[in-house]
Structure formats: structure tokens, C-alpha cells
Amino acid sequence: MAQKGEEEEFVEIAPGVNGELDAEGKVVGVEILNASRFLSSLINPLHQKQIQLQS
């Protein structure tokens, strides 16, 4: 997620998840640390299904 604007600061929303804020305190981005580790359990089955459909 990203919006136009420069990041001025960030706040930790949850462990490993940071909200990036602009000078007015509006969210301009969200950073998920080690996202591939958390998302692999969702992405891998979808990738396998795509391969099956292409066969």
C-alpha cells in the first residue's frame, strides 16, 4: 500500500508491521517485515493451482 507523500516517521502497528506516516500524520505506506515468510502459505497453493490450470 502506498500513497503519494514523503515518509516522515513510522509507527509499529504490530510486531513486524509498520505504518509509514507523512508530515501531517497520514498513512502513506505500510511495511511488512519478512512478508514472504508470512505470505508463502497463501502464495504457494495459488501458484500450484495456476500451474495445474496451465497444463
Foldseek 3Di string as FASTA:
>chain_A
DFDDADFPDWDDPDVQKIFTAHPVRDGGDIGGHPVCVVCVVVVVVVVVVVVVVVD
